[in-house]
N, C-alpha and C. Protein backbone atom coordinates (compact mmCIF):
# COMPACT_ATOMS: atom_id res chain seq x y z
N UNK A 1 -2.67 2.47 25.48
CA UNK A 1 -2.65 4.09 24.67
C UNK A 1 -3.77 3.58 23.67
N UNK A 2 -4.59 4.89 23.67
CA UNK A 2 -5.75 5.14 22.76
C UNK A 2 -5.51 4.98 21.30
N UNK A 3 -6.46 4.57 20.58
CA UNK A 3 -6.37 4.36 19.09
C UNK A 3 -5.90 5.96 18.63
N UNK A 4 -4.88 5.80 17.54
CA UNK A 4 -4.88 7.05 17.07
C UNK A 4 -4.09 8.14 17.45
N UNK A 5 -3.65 7.51 18.68
CA UNK A 5 -2.90 8.66 19.76
C UNK A 5 -1.40 8.62 19.27
N UNK A 6 -0.40 9.52 19.45
CA UNK A 6 0.82 9.81 19.32
C UNK A 6 1.88 9.66 20.48
N UNK A 7 3.18 9.31 20.13
CA UNK A 7 4.01 9.18 21.11
C UNK A 7 5.27 9.54 20.82
N UNK A 8 6.07 10.36 21.62
CA UNK A 8 7.29 10.93 21.13
C UNK A 8 8.54 10.17 21.95
N UNK A 9 9.25 9.58 21.31
CA UNK A 9 10.19 8.90 22.24
C UNK A 9 11.84 9.48 21.62
N UNK A 10 12.77 9.91 22.69
CA UNK A 10 13.76 10.14 22.61
C UNK A 10 14.91 9.13 23.04
N UNK A 11 15.89 9.05 22.03
CA UNK A 11 16.79 7.70 22.42
C UNK A 11 18.08 8.32 22.28
N UNK A 12 19.01 8.30 23.31
CA UNK A 12 20.24 9.01 23.20
C UNK A 12 21.30 7.86 23.25
N UNK A 13 21.96 8.04 22.12
CA UNK A 13 22.81 6.89 21.86
C UNK A 13 24.57 7.65 21.71
N UNK A 14 25.64 7.40 22.94
CA UNK A 14 26.73 8.00 22.89
C UNK A 14 27.79 6.95 22.31
N UNK A 15 28.83 7.68 21.41
CA UNK A 15 30.10 6.96 21.26
C UNK A 15 31.08 7.72 21.84
N UNK A 16 32.06 7.04 22.25
CA UNK A 16 33.13 7.68 23.02
C UNK A 16 34.13 8.46 22.15
N UNK A 17 34.48 9.65 22.72
CA UNK A 17 35.31 10.42 21.62
C UNK A 17 36.78 9.88 21.69
N UNK A 18 36.92 8.93 21.38
CA UNK A 18 38.40 8.37 21.18
C UNK A 18 38.81 8.26 20.02
N UNK A 19 38.10 8.65 18.87
CA UNK A 19 38.46 8.71 17.49
C UNK A 19 39.41 9.94 17.15
N UNK A 20 39.96 9.69 16.10
CA UNK A 20 40.83 10.85 15.32
C UNK A 20 40.37 10.61 13.97
N UNK A 21 40.36 11.87 13.22
CA UNK A 21 40.01 12.18 12.08
C UNK A 21 41.22 11.71 11.19
N UNK A 22 40.96 11.07 9.91
CA UNK A 22 39.66 10.87 9.35
C UNK A 22 38.77 9.68 9.82
N UNK A 23 37.45 9.52 10.05
CA UNK A 23 36.62 8.61 10.41
C UNK A 23 35.22 8.88 9.82
N UNK A 24 34.41 7.81 9.75
CA UNK A 24 33.27 7.96 9.33
C UNK A 24 32.25 7.53 10.37
N UNK A 25 30.94 8.06 10.33
CA UNK A 25 29.81 7.57 11.41
C UNK A 25 28.69 7.04 10.39
N UNK A 26 28.08 5.72 10.40
CA UNK A 26 27.12 5.58 9.65
C UNK A 26 26.17 4.77 10.31
N UNK A 27 24.84 5.17 10.08
CA UNK A 27 23.61 4.70 10.78
C UNK A 27 22.55 4.21 9.83
N UNK A 28 22.29 2.99 10.15
CA UNK A 28 21.24 2.35 9.49
C UNK A 28 19.82 1.94 10.12
N UNK A 29 18.68 2.59 9.92
CA UNK A 29 17.48 2.49 10.65
C UNK A 29 16.55 1.50 9.72
N UNK A 30 16.42 0.21 10.10
CA UNK A 30 15.40 -0.75 9.20
C UNK A 30 14.26 -0.84 9.67
N UNK A 31 13.30 -0.72 8.45
CA UNK A 31 11.98 -0.26 8.68
C UNK A 31 11.41 -1.53 9.12
N UNK A 32 10.59 -1.35 9.95
CA UNK A 32 9.86 -2.47 10.64
C UNK A 32 8.41 -2.85 10.29
N UNK A 33 8.03 -3.98 9.86
CA UNK A 33 6.78 -4.14 9.34
C UNK A 33 5.73 -3.62 10.14
N UNK A 34 4.66 -3.33 9.61
CA UNK A 34 3.35 -3.01 10.52
C UNK A 34 3.53 -1.39 10.87
N UNK A 35 4.69 -1.00 10.84
CA UNK A 35 5.01 0.75 11.30
C UNK A 35 4.76 1.71 10.12
N UNK A 36 3.52 2.46 10.50
CA UNK A 36 3.08 3.27 9.13
C UNK A 36 3.05 4.57 9.67
N UNK A 37 3.30 5.81 8.86
CA UNK A 37 3.14 7.08 8.95
C UNK A 37 3.99 7.44 10.49
N UNK A 38 5.13 7.32 10.42
CA UNK A 38 6.23 7.64 11.42
C UNK A 38 7.17 8.24 10.85
N UNK A 39 7.50 9.71 11.66
CA UNK A 39 8.53 10.40 11.19
C UNK A 39 9.54 10.18 12.15
N UNK A 40 10.86 10.01 11.67
CA UNK A 40 11.82 9.95 13.01
C UNK A 40 13.12 10.94 12.51
N UNK A 41 13.57 11.71 13.81
CA UNK A 41 14.43 12.51 13.43
C UNK A 41 15.80 11.99 14.19
N UNK A 42 17.06 12.35 13.62
CA UNK A 42 18.21 11.75 13.76
C UNK A 42 18.81 13.12 14.09
N UNK A 43 19.52 13.15 15.20
CA UNK A 43 20.68 14.15 15.53
C UNK A 43 22.20 13.57 15.67
N UNK A 44 23.06 14.16 15.08
CA UNK A 44 24.66 14.11 15.36
C UNK A 44 25.33 15.20 16.04
N UNK A 45 25.54 14.81 17.02
CA UNK A 45 26.46 15.91 17.91
C UNK A 45 27.88 15.63 18.02
N UNK A 46 28.78 16.45 17.64
CA UNK A 46 30.02 15.90 17.80
C UNK A 46 31.30 17.19 18.58
N UNK A 47 32.50 16.76 18.64
CA UNK A 47 33.28 17.60 19.72
C UNK A 47 33.80 18.74 18.79
N UNK A 48 34.08 19.86 19.20
CA UNK A 48 34.58 21.07 18.65
C UNK A 48 35.73 20.70 17.82
N UNK A 49 36.52 19.55 18.22
CA UNK A 49 37.79 19.27 17.32
C UNK A 49 37.69 18.67 16.01
N UNK A 50 36.29 18.43 15.80
CA UNK A 50 35.87 17.65 14.34
C UNK A 50 34.92 18.45 13.41
N UNK A 51 35.57 18.48 12.19
CA UNK A 51 34.82 19.04 11.42
C UNK A 51 34.15 18.24 10.31
N UNK A 52 32.71 18.19 9.90
CA UNK A 52 32.07 17.34 9.13
C UNK A 52 32.54 17.57 7.63
N UNK A 53 32.91 16.54 7.06
CA UNK A 53 33.57 16.98 5.57
C UNK A 53 32.40 16.54 4.45
N UNK A 54 31.71 15.57 4.96
CA UNK A 54 30.65 14.75 4.04
C UNK A 54 29.52 14.40 4.87
N UNK A 55 28.27 14.84 4.51
CA UNK A 55 26.77 14.54 5.10
C UNK A 55 26.08 13.98 3.99
N UNK A 56 25.45 12.72 4.11
CA UNK A 56 24.68 12.17 3.27
C UNK A 56 23.23 11.09 4.12
N UNK A 57 22.36 11.34 3.62
CA UNK A 57 21.66 12.31 2.61
C UNK A 57 21.57 13.87 3.22
N UNK A 58 21.13 14.72 2.62
CA UNK A 58 20.96 16.09 2.85
C UNK A 58 20.59 16.27 4.40
N UNK A 59 21.08 17.00 4.98
CA UNK A 59 20.68 17.37 6.53
C UNK A 59 20.55 18.76 6.75
N UNK A 60 19.89 19.14 7.89
CA UNK A 60 20.28 20.63 8.43
C UNK A 60 21.44 20.60 9.26
N UNK A 61 22.35 21.68 9.61
CA UNK A 61 23.50 21.71 9.98
C UNK A 61 23.56 22.97 10.63
N UNK A 62 23.71 23.07 12.24
CA UNK A 62 23.55 24.23 12.68
C UNK A 62 24.34 24.10 14.14
N UNK A 63 25.42 24.99 14.46
CA UNK A 63 25.74 24.89 15.77
C UNK A 63 26.38 23.39 16.23
N UNK A 64 27.14 22.85 15.44
CA UNK A 64 27.68 21.48 15.42
C UNK A 64 26.79 20.45 15.66
N UNK A 65 25.43 20.51 15.29
CA UNK A 65 24.29 19.55 15.55
C UNK A 65 23.93 19.33 13.77
N UNK A 66 23.66 18.10 13.58
CA UNK A 66 23.62 17.27 12.18
C UNK A 66 22.33 17.12 12.48
N UNK A 67 20.96 17.23 11.68
CA UNK A 67 19.86 16.52 11.88
C UNK A 67 19.24 15.99 10.44
N UNK A 68 19.04 14.70 10.66
CA UNK A 68 18.37 13.88 9.27
C UNK A 68 16.72 13.75 10.08
N UNK A 69 15.94 13.67 9.07
CA UNK A 69 14.77 13.43 9.09
C UNK A 69 14.11 12.29 8.17
N UNK A 70 13.25 11.18 8.34
CA UNK A 70 13.14 10.19 7.88
C UNK A 70 11.33 9.95 7.85
N UNK A 71 10.70 9.66 6.74
CA UNK A 71 9.35 9.47 6.96
C UNK A 71 8.90 8.15 6.99
N UNK A 72 10.03 7.04 7.29
CA UNK A 72 9.77 5.85 7.62
C UNK A 72 9.19 5.06 6.16
N UNK A 73 9.71 5.31 5.09
CA UNK A 73 9.10 4.74 3.70
C UNK A 73 9.67 3.80 3.37
N UNK A 74 10.83 3.63 4.04
CA UNK A 74 11.98 2.38 3.57
C UNK A 74 12.76 2.54 4.75
N UNK A 75 14.08 1.67 4.39
CA UNK A 75 15.34 1.62 5.60
C UNK A 75 16.02 2.95 5.21
N UNK A 76 16.50 3.40 6.05
CA UNK A 76 17.29 4.83 5.90
C UNK A 76 18.36 4.80 6.48
N UNK A 77 19.23 5.14 5.72
CA UNK A 77 20.79 5.14 5.80
C UNK A 77 21.34 6.50 6.16
N UNK A 78 22.27 6.86 7.05
CA UNK A 78 22.75 8.24 6.91
C UNK A 78 24.35 8.20 7.26
N UNK A 79 24.91 8.90 6.84
CA UNK A 79 26.34 8.82 6.99
C UNK A 79 27.19 10.35 7.31
N UNK A 80 28.06 10.41 8.06
CA UNK A 80 28.90 11.62 8.14
C UNK A 80 30.16 11.29 8.19
N UNK A 81 31.02 12.02 7.46
CA UNK A 81 32.59 11.57 7.43
C UNK A 81 33.18 13.09 8.02
N UNK A 82 34.17 13.20 9.01
CA UNK A 82 35.04 13.69 9.58
C UNK A 82 36.38 13.89 9.13
């Protein structure tokens, strides 16, 4: 890969819908040494039967999709409670 080039990677992580409310989903993205100037976006999609009651930190929320964004300055933790 050429120096100063950029790459987009999309990773899909699926959790079975065998859950019943109330429950929480928490995700930790641990910053890796030597990785700079990286922006990561995380999307949480959920079944129509669930309603997000708490979203932290602030995120965009549209059409049952919650999107978080991280500038990779430190570890990043997000949580959604249903």
